[in-house]
């Protein structure tokens, strides 16, 4: 079952409240997205930990409801 972009955004924001989340569909199937997540919570953390925080926010949906997520993370300027 596809996962709407709005649900992905809501899950990330619930776990990382200050996150600015931008999501773009890579194809029109509800399974392949690109996400850019910006949060002060990422400050001082290596990129792998930043990505882990986002994947944990998705609660195990990666590989199931959500097939692919091209992820970029950043700390606000």
PDB file of N, CA and C in Angstrom:
ATOM      1  N   UNK A   1       0.846  -1.177   0.000  1.00  0.00           N
ATOM      2  CA  UNK A   1       0.000   0.000   0.000  1.00  0.00           C
ATOM      3  C   UNK A   1       0.894   1.245   0.000  1.00  0.00           C
ATOM      4  N   UNK A   2       0.662   2.176  -0.889  1.00  0.00           N
ATOM      5  CA  UNK A   2       1.467   3.395  -0.964  1.00  0.00           C
ATOM      6  C   UNK A   2       1.338   4.251   0.302  1.00  0.00           C
ATOM      7  N   UNK A   3       2.330   5.087   0.489  1.00  0.00           N
ATOM      8  CA  UNK A   3       2.360   5.976   1.651  1.00  0.00           C
ATOM      9  C   UNK A   3       2.330   7.416   1.145  1.00  0.00           C
ATOM     10  N   UNK A   4       1.327   8.191   1.509  1.00  0.00           N
ATOM     11  CA  UNK A   4       1.252   9.582   1.049  1.00  0.00           C
ATOM     12  C   UNK A   4       2.386  10.441   1.619  1.00  0.00           C
ATOM     13  N   UNK A   5       2.842  11.401   0.837  1.00  0.00           N
ATOM     14  CA  UNK A   5       3.899  12.304   1.266  1.00  0.00           C
ATOM     15  C   UNK A   5       3.521  13.029   2.555  1.00  0.00           C
ATOM     16  N   UNK A   6       2.264  13.398   2.702  1.00  0.00           N
ATOM     17  CA  UNK A   6       1.812  14.105   3.910  1.00  0.00           C
ATOM     18  C   UNK A   6       2.000  13.248   5.164  1.00  0.00           C
ATOM     19  N   UNK A   7       1.842  11.949   5.028  1.00  0.00           N
ATOM     20  CA  UNK A   7       2.031  11.056   6.176  1.00  0.00           C
ATOM     21  C   UNK A   7       3.512  10.970   6.550  1.00  0.00           C
ATOM     22  N   UNK A   8       4.377  10.922   5.545  1.00  0.00           N
ATOM     23  CA  UNK A   8       5.819  10.902   5.805  1.00  0.00           C
ATOM     24  C   UNK A   8       6.215  12.174   6.554  1.00  0.00           C
ATOM     25  N   UNK A   9       5.738  13.304   6.061  1.00  0.00           N
ATOM     26  CA  UNK A   9       6.044  14.586   6.695  1.00  0.00           C
ATOM     27  C   UNK A   9       5.535  14.623   8.136  1.00  0.00           C
ATOM     28  N   UNK A  10       4.327  14.161   8.364  1.00  0.00           N
ATOM     29  CA  UNK A  10       3.739  14.171   9.708  1.00  0.00           C
ATOM     30  C   UNK A  10       4.537  13.290  10.670  1.00  0.00           C
ATOM     31  N   UNK A  11       4.974  12.133  10.224  1.00  0.00           N
ATOM     32  CA  UNK A  11       5.754  11.239  11.080  1.00  0.00           C
ATOM     33  C   UNK A  11       7.089  11.868  11.465  1.00  0.00           C
ATOM     34  N   UNK A  12       7.739  12.486  10.486  1.00  0.00           N
ATOM     35  CA  UNK A  12       9.031  13.122  10.760  1.00  0.00           C
ATOM     36  C   UNK A  12       8.848  14.286  11.731  1.00  0.00           C
ATOM     37  N   UNK A  13       7.837  15.118  11.488  1.00  0.00           N
ATOM     38  CA  UNK A  13       7.606  16.273  12.360  1.00  0.00           C
ATOM     39  C   UNK A  13       7.173  15.860  13.765  1.00  0.00           C
ATOM     40  N   UNK A  14       6.506  14.735  13.888  1.00  0.00           N
ATOM     41  CA  UNK A  14       6.114  14.258  15.219  1.00  0.00           C
ATOM     42  C   UNK A  14       7.342  13.860  16.032  1.00  0.00           C
ATOM     43  N   UNK A  15       8.346  13.296  15.372  1.00  0.00           N
ATOM     44  CA  UNK A  15       9.550  12.854  16.067  1.00  0.00           C
ATOM     45  C   UNK A  15      10.600  13.954  16.195  1.00  0.00           C
ATOM     46  N   UNK A  16      10.612  14.873  15.214  1.00  0.00           N
ATOM     47  CA  UNK A  16      11.581  15.970  15.193  1.00  0.00           C
ATOM     48  C   UNK A  16      10.773  17.254  15.005  1.00  0.00           C
ATOM     49  N   UNK A  17      10.212  17.789  16.089  1.00  0.00           N
ATOM     50  CA  UNK A  17       9.225  18.872  15.997  1.00  0.00           C
ATOM     51  C   UNK A  17       9.668  20.140  15.253  1.00  0.00           C
ATOM     52  N   UNK A  18      10.953  20.479  15.302  1.00  0.00           N
ATOM     53  CA  UNK A  18      11.388  21.704  14.621  1.00  0.00           C
ATOM     54  C   UNK A  18      11.759  21.470  13.154  1.00  0.00           C
ATOM     55  N   UNK A  19      11.584  20.252  12.676  1.00  0.00           N
ATOM     56  CA  UNK A  19      12.009  19.900  11.322  1.00  0.00           C
ATOM     57  C   UNK A  19      11.250  20.667  10.244  1.00  0.00           C
ATOM     58  N   UNK A  20      12.011  21.088   9.265  1.00  0.00           N
ATOM     59  CA  UNK A  20      11.442  21.610   8.023  1.00  0.00           C
ATOM     60  C   UNK A  20      11.584  20.465   7.034  1.00  0.00           C
ATOM     61  N   UNK A  21      10.467  19.984   6.527  1.00  0.00           N
ATOM     62  CA  UNK A  21      10.462  18.793   5.684  1.00  0.00           C
ATOM     63  C   UNK A  21       9.956  19.151   4.293  1.00  0.00           C
ATOM     64  N   UNK A  22      10.757  18.824   3.292  1.00  0.00           N
ATOM     65  CA  UNK A  22      10.362  19.005   1.895  1.00  0.00           C
ATOM     66  C   UNK A  22      10.380  17.634   1.240  1.00  0.00           C
ATOM     67  N   UNK A  23       9.254  17.252   0.649  1.00  0.00           N
ATOM     68  CA  UNK A  23       9.149  15.928   0.041  1.00  0.00           C
ATOM     69  C   UNK A  23       8.743  16.076  -1.419  1.00  0.00           C
ATOM     70  N   UNK A  24       9.401  15.298  -2.260  1.00  0.00           N
ATOM     71  CA  UNK A  24       9.111  15.292  -3.695  1.00  0.00           C
ATOM     72  C   UNK A  24       8.953  13.842  -4.143  1.00  0.00           C
ATOM     73  N   UNK A  25       7.918  13.556  -4.895  1.00  0.00           N
ATOM     74  CA  UNK A  25       7.728  12.226  -5.451  1.00  0.00           C
ATOM     75  C   UNK A  25       8.707  12.034  -6.605  1.00  0.00           C
ATOM     76  N   UNK A  26       9.444  10.915  -6.584  1.00  0.00           N
ATOM     77  CA  UNK A  26      10.370  10.620  -7.672  1.00  0.00           C
ATOM     78  C   UNK A  26       9.638   9.983  -8.846  1.00  0.00           C
ATOM     79  N   UNK A  27       8.639   9.186  -8.533  1.00  0.00           N
ATOM     80  CA  UNK A  27       7.718   8.620  -9.520  1.00  0.00           C
ATOM     81  C   UNK A  27       6.327   8.652  -8.904  1.00  0.00           C
ATOM     82  N   UNK A  28       5.318   8.534  -9.701  1.00  0.00           N
ATOM     83  CA  UNK A  28       3.947   8.670  -9.207  1.00  0.00           C
ATOM     84  C   UNK A  28       3.369   7.327  -8.754  1.00  0.00           C
ATOM     85  N   UNK A  29       4.042   6.717  -7.751  1.00  0.00           N
ATOM     86  CA  UNK A  29       3.547   5.424  -7.271  1.00  0.00           C
ATOM     87  C   UNK A  29       3.344   5.382  -5.759  1.00  0.00           C
ATOM     88  N   UNK A  30       3.663   6.496  -5.063  1.00  0.00           N
ATOM     89  CA  UNK A  30       3.496   6.542  -3.619  1.00  0.00           C
ATOM     90  C   UNK A  30       4.530   5.742  -2.857  1.00  0.00           C
ATOM     91  N   UNK A  31       5.565   5.273  -3.532  1.00  0.00           N
ATOM     92  CA  UNK A  31       6.592   4.440  -2.910  1.00  0.00           C
ATOM     93  C   UNK A  31       8.001   5.010  -3.006  1.00  0.00           C
ATOM     94  N   UNK A  32       8.208   5.997  -3.863  1.00  0.00           N
ATOM     95  CA  UNK A  32       9.551   6.519  -4.121  1.00  0.00           C
ATOM     96  C   UNK A  32       9.559   8.040  -3.948  1.00  0.00           C
ATOM     97  N   UNK A  33      10.285   8.489  -2.927  1.00  0.00           N
ATOM     98  CA  UNK A  33      10.305   9.917  -2.615  1.00  0.00           C
ATOM     99  C   UNK A  33      11.731  10.415  -2.399  1.00  0.00           C
ATOM    100  N   UNK A  34      11.879  11.720  -2.521  1.00  0.00           N
ATOM    101  CA  UNK A  34      13.084  12.433  -2.107  1.00  0.00           C
ATOM    102  C   UNK A  34      12.643  13.341  -0.970  1.00  0.00           C
ATOM    103  N   UNK A  35      13.396  13.334   0.136  1.00  0.00           N
ATOM    104  CA  UNK A  35      13.070  14.189   1.274  1.00  0.00           C
ATOM    105  C   UNK A  35      14.296  14.964   1.710  1.00  0.00           C
ATOM    106  N   UNK A  36      14.075  16.238   1.993  1.00  0.00           N
ATOM    107  CA  UNK A  36      15.096  17.077   2.605  1.00  0.00           C
ATOM    108  C   UNK A  36      14.563  17.474   3.972  1.00  0.00           C
ATOM    109  N   UNK A  37      15.316  17.163   5.002  1.00  0.00           N
ATOM    110  CA  UNK A  37      14.891  17.441   6.369  1.00  0.00           C
ATOM    111  C   UNK A  37      15.951  18.334   7.017  1.00  0.00           C
ATOM    112  N   UNK A  38      15.511  19.494   7.475  1.00  0.00           N
ATOM    113  CA  UNK A  38      16.394  20.458   8.135  1.00  0.00           C
ATOM    114  C   UNK A  38      15.948  20.610   9.580  1.00  0.00           C
ATOM    115  N   UNK A  39      16.899  20.458  10.504  1.00  0.00           N
ATOM    116  CA  UNK A  39      16.552  20.548  11.929  1.00  0.00           C
ATOM    117  C   UNK A  39      17.773  20.910  12.764  1.00  0.00           C
ATOM    118  N   UNK A  40      17.562  21.730  13.776  1.00  0.00           N
ATOM    119  CA  UNK A  40      18.619  22.046  14.733  1.00  0.00           C
ATOM    120  C   UNK A  40      19.006  20.805  15.536  1.00  0.00           C
ATOM    121  N   UNK A  41      18.121  19.824  15.611  1.00  0.00           N
ATOM    122  CA  UNK A  41      18.400  18.584  16.338  1.00  0.00           C
ATOM    123  C   UNK A  41      19.553  17.806  15.710  1.00  0.00           C
ATOM    124  N   UNK A  42      19.894  18.111  14.470  1.00  0.00           N
ATOM    125  CA  UNK A  42      20.988  17.433  13.784  1.00  0.00           C
ATOM    126  C   UNK A  42      22.355  18.029  14.117  1.00  0.00           C
ATOM    127  N   UNK A  43      22.383  19.182  14.764  1.00  0.00           N
ATOM    128  CA  UNK A  43      23.644  19.877  15.050  1.00  0.00           C
ATOM    129  C   UNK A  43      24.608  18.979  15.822  1.00  0.00           C
ATOM    130  N   UNK A  44      25.835  18.912  15.329  1.00  0.00           N
ATOM    131  CA  UNK A  44      26.871  18.137  15.997  1.00  0.00           C
ATOM    132  C   UNK A  44      26.805  16.645  15.774  1.00  0.00           C
ATOM    133  N   UNK A  45      25.813  16.186  15.033  1.00  0.00           N
ATOM    134  CA  UNK A  45      25.666  14.753  14.795  1.00  0.00           C
ATOM    135  C   UNK A  45      26.188  14.421  13.389  1.00  0.00           C
ATOM    136  N   UNK A  46      26.872  13.284  13.244  1.00  0.00           N
ATOM    137  CA  UNK A  46      27.301  12.888  11.903  1.00  0.00           C
ATOM    138  C   UNK A  46      26.090  12.581  11.013  1.00  0.00           C
ATOM    139  N   UNK A  47      26.290  12.682   9.724  1.00  0.00           N
ATOM    140  CA  UNK A  47      25.198  12.493   8.769  1.00  0.00           C
ATOM    141  C   UNK A  47      24.496  11.143   8.973  1.00  0.00           C
ATOM    142  N   UNK A  48      25.240  10.101   9.250  1.00  0.00           N
ATOM    143  CA  UNK A  48      24.619   8.787   9.443  1.00  0.00           C
ATOM    144  C   UNK A  48      23.647   8.810  10.623  1.00  0.00           C
ATOM    145  N   UNK A  49      23.976   9.539  11.688  1.00  0.00           N
ATOM    146  CA  UNK A  49      23.075   9.648  12.837  1.00  0.00           C
ATOM    147  C   UNK A  49      21.855  10.493  12.483  1.00  0.00           C
ATOM    148  N   UNK A  50      22.052  11.538  11.698  1.00  0.00           N
ATOM    149  CA  UNK A  50      20.934  12.367  11.245  1.00  0.00           C
ATOM    150  C   UNK A  50      19.935  11.517  10.460  1.00  0.00           C
ATOM    151  N   UNK A  51      20.455  10.717   9.550  1.00  0.00           N
ATOM    152  CA  UNK A  51      19.583   9.858   8.737  1.00  0.00           C
ATOM    153  C   UNK A  51      18.889   8.824   9.616  1.00  0.00           C
ATOM    154  N   UNK A  52      19.610   8.284  10.578  1.00  0.00           N
ATOM    155  CA  UNK A  52      19.011   7.300  11.493  1.00  0.00           C
ATOM    156  C   UNK A  52      17.836   7.914  12.247  1.00  0.00           C
ATOM    157  N   UNK A  53      17.976   9.168  12.663  1.00  0.00           N
ATOM    158  CA  UNK A  53      16.883   9.852  13.359  1.00  0.00           C
ATOM    159  C   UNK A  53      15.635   9.925  12.478  1.00  0.00           C
ATOM    160  N   UNK A  54      15.830  10.218  11.203  1.00  0.00           N
ATOM    161  CA  UNK A  54      14.690  10.314  10.280  1.00  0.00           C
ATOM    162  C   UNK A  54      14.071   8.936  10.061  1.00  0.00           C
ATOM    163  N   UNK A  55      14.910   7.922   9.828  1.00  0.00           N
ATOM    164  CA  UNK A  55      14.377   6.579   9.604  1.00  0.00           C
ATOM    165  C   UNK A  55      13.640   6.058  10.842  1.00  0.00           C
ATOM    166  N   UNK A  56      14.152   6.371  12.025  1.00  0.00           N
ATOM    167  CA  UNK A  56      13.452   5.967  13.256  1.00  0.00           C
ATOM    168  C   UNK A  56      12.092   6.662  13.356  1.00  0.00           C
ATOM    169  N   UNK A  57      12.025   7.902  12.888  1.00  0.00           N
ATOM    170  CA  UNK A  57      10.752   8.635  12.899  1.00  0.00           C
ATOM    171  C   UNK A  57       9.707   7.947  12.031  1.00  0.00           C
ATOM    172  N   UNK A  58      10.168   7.232  11.011  1.00  0.00           N
ATOM    173  CA  UNK A  58       9.239   6.546  10.107  1.00  0.00           C
ATOM    174  C   UNK A  58       8.746   5.223  10.684  1.00  0.00           C
ATOM    175  N   UNK A  59       9.251   4.848  11.827  1.00  0.00           N
ATOM    176  CA  UNK A  59       8.716   3.707  12.568  1.00  0.00           C
ATOM    177  C   UNK A  59       8.698   2.379  11.833  1.00  0.00           C
ATOM    178  N   UNK A  60       9.755   2.052  11.132  1.00  0.00           N
ATOM    179  CA  UNK A  60       9.826   0.743  10.477  1.00  0.00           C
ATOM    180  C   UNK A  60       9.073   0.637   9.165  1.00  0.00           C
ATOM    181  N   UNK A  61       8.617   1.746   8.624  1.00  0.00           N
ATOM    182  CA  UNK A  61       7.864   1.700   7.367  1.00  0.00           C
ATOM    183  C   UNK A  61       8.761   1.575   6.131  1.00  0.00           C
ATOM    184  N   UNK A  62      10.074   1.879   6.305  1.00  0.00           N
ATOM    185  CA  UNK A  62      10.998   1.744   5.179  1.00  0.00           C
ATOM    186  C   UNK A  62      11.075   0.275   4.766  1.00  0.00           C
ATOM    187  N   UNK A  63      11.001   0.051   3.468  1.00  0.00           N
ATOM    188  CA  UNK A  63      11.055  -1.310   2.955  1.00  0.00           C
ATOM    189  C   UNK A  63       9.693  -1.986   2.923  1.00  0.00           C
ATOM    190  N   UNK A  64       8.707  -1.376   3.553  1.00  0.00           N
ATOM    191  CA  UNK A  64       7.343  -1.907   3.538  1.00  0.00           C
ATOM    192  C   UNK A  64       6.442  -0.956   2.791  1.00  0.00           C
ATOM    193  N   UNK A  65       5.720  -0.114   3.555  1.00  0.00           N
ATOM    194  CA  UNK A  65       4.841   0.888   2.945  1.00  0.00           C
ATOM    195  C   UNK A  65       5.625   1.880   2.098  1.00  0.00           C
ATOM    196  N   UNK A  66       6.832   2.173   2.519  1.00  0.00           N
ATOM    197  CA  UNK A  66       7.675   3.135   1.824  1.00  0.00           C
ATOM    198  C   UNK A  66       8.871   2.389   1.264  1.00  0.00           C
ATOM    199  N   UNK A  67       8.899   2.255  -0.054  1.00  0.00           N
ATOM    200  CA  UNK A  67       9.937   1.445  -0.697  1.00  0.00           C
ATOM    201  C   UNK A  67      11.279   2.167  -0.760  1.00  0.00           C
ATOM    202  N   UNK A  68      11.268   3.448  -1.134  1.00  0.00           N
ATOM    203  CA  UNK A  68      12.534   4.163  -1.317  1.00  0.00           C
ATOM    204  C   UNK A  68      12.399   5.618  -0.874  1.00  0.00           C
ATOM    205  N   UNK A  69      13.423   6.084  -0.149  1.00  0.00           N
ATOM    206  CA  UNK A  69      13.469   7.470   0.290  1.00  0.00           C
ATOM    207  C   UNK A  69      14.888   7.976   0.092  1.00  0.00           C
ATOM    208  N   UNK A  70      15.051   8.851  -0.874  1.00  0.00           N
ATOM    209  CA  UNK A  70      16.340   9.517  -1.089  1.00  0.00           C
ATOM    210  C   UNK A  70      16.393  10.669  -0.095  1.00  0.00           C
ATOM    211  N   UNK A  71      17.290  10.597   0.863  1.00  0.00           N
ATOM    212  CA  UNK A  71      17.261  11.494   2.014  1.00  0.00           C
ATOM    213  C   UNK A  71      18.457  12.432   2.064  1.00  0.00           C
ATOM    214  N   UNK A  72      18.165  13.705   2.316  1.00  0.00           N
ATOM    215  CA  UNK A  72      19.190  14.711   2.589  1.00  0.00           C
ATOM    216  C   UNK A  72      18.818  15.369   3.908  1.00  0.00           C
ATOM    217  N   UNK A  73      19.816  15.572   4.763  1.00  0.00           N
ATOM    218  CA  UNK A  73      19.572  16.246   6.034  1.00  0.00           C
ATOM    219  C   UNK A  73      20.501  17.441   6.145  1.00  0.00           C
ATOM    220  N   UNK A  74      20.073  18.420   6.929  1.00  0.00           N
ATOM    221  CA  UNK A  74      20.867  19.627   7.118  1.00  0.00           C
ATOM    222  C   UNK A  74      20.519  20.290   8.443  1.00  0.00           C
ATOM    223  N   UNK A  75      21.450  21.115   8.890  1.00  0.00           N
ATOM    224  CA  UNK A  75      21.243  21.942  10.080  1.00  0.00           C
ATOM    225  C   UNK A  75      20.923  23.350   9.566  1.00  0.00           C
ATOM    226  N   UNK A  76      19.936  24.040  10.146  1.00  0.00           N
ATOM    227  CA  UNK A  76      19.624  25.401   9.669  1.00  0.00           C
ATOM    228  C   UNK A  76      20.812  26.339   9.833  1.00  0.00           C
ATOM    229  N   UNK A  77      20.908  27.299   8.950  1.00  0.00           N
ATOM    230  CA  UNK A  77      21.999  28.291   9.017  1.00  0.00           C
ATOM    231  C   UNK A  77      21.758  29.282  10.118  1.00  0.00           C
TER     232      UNK A  77
END
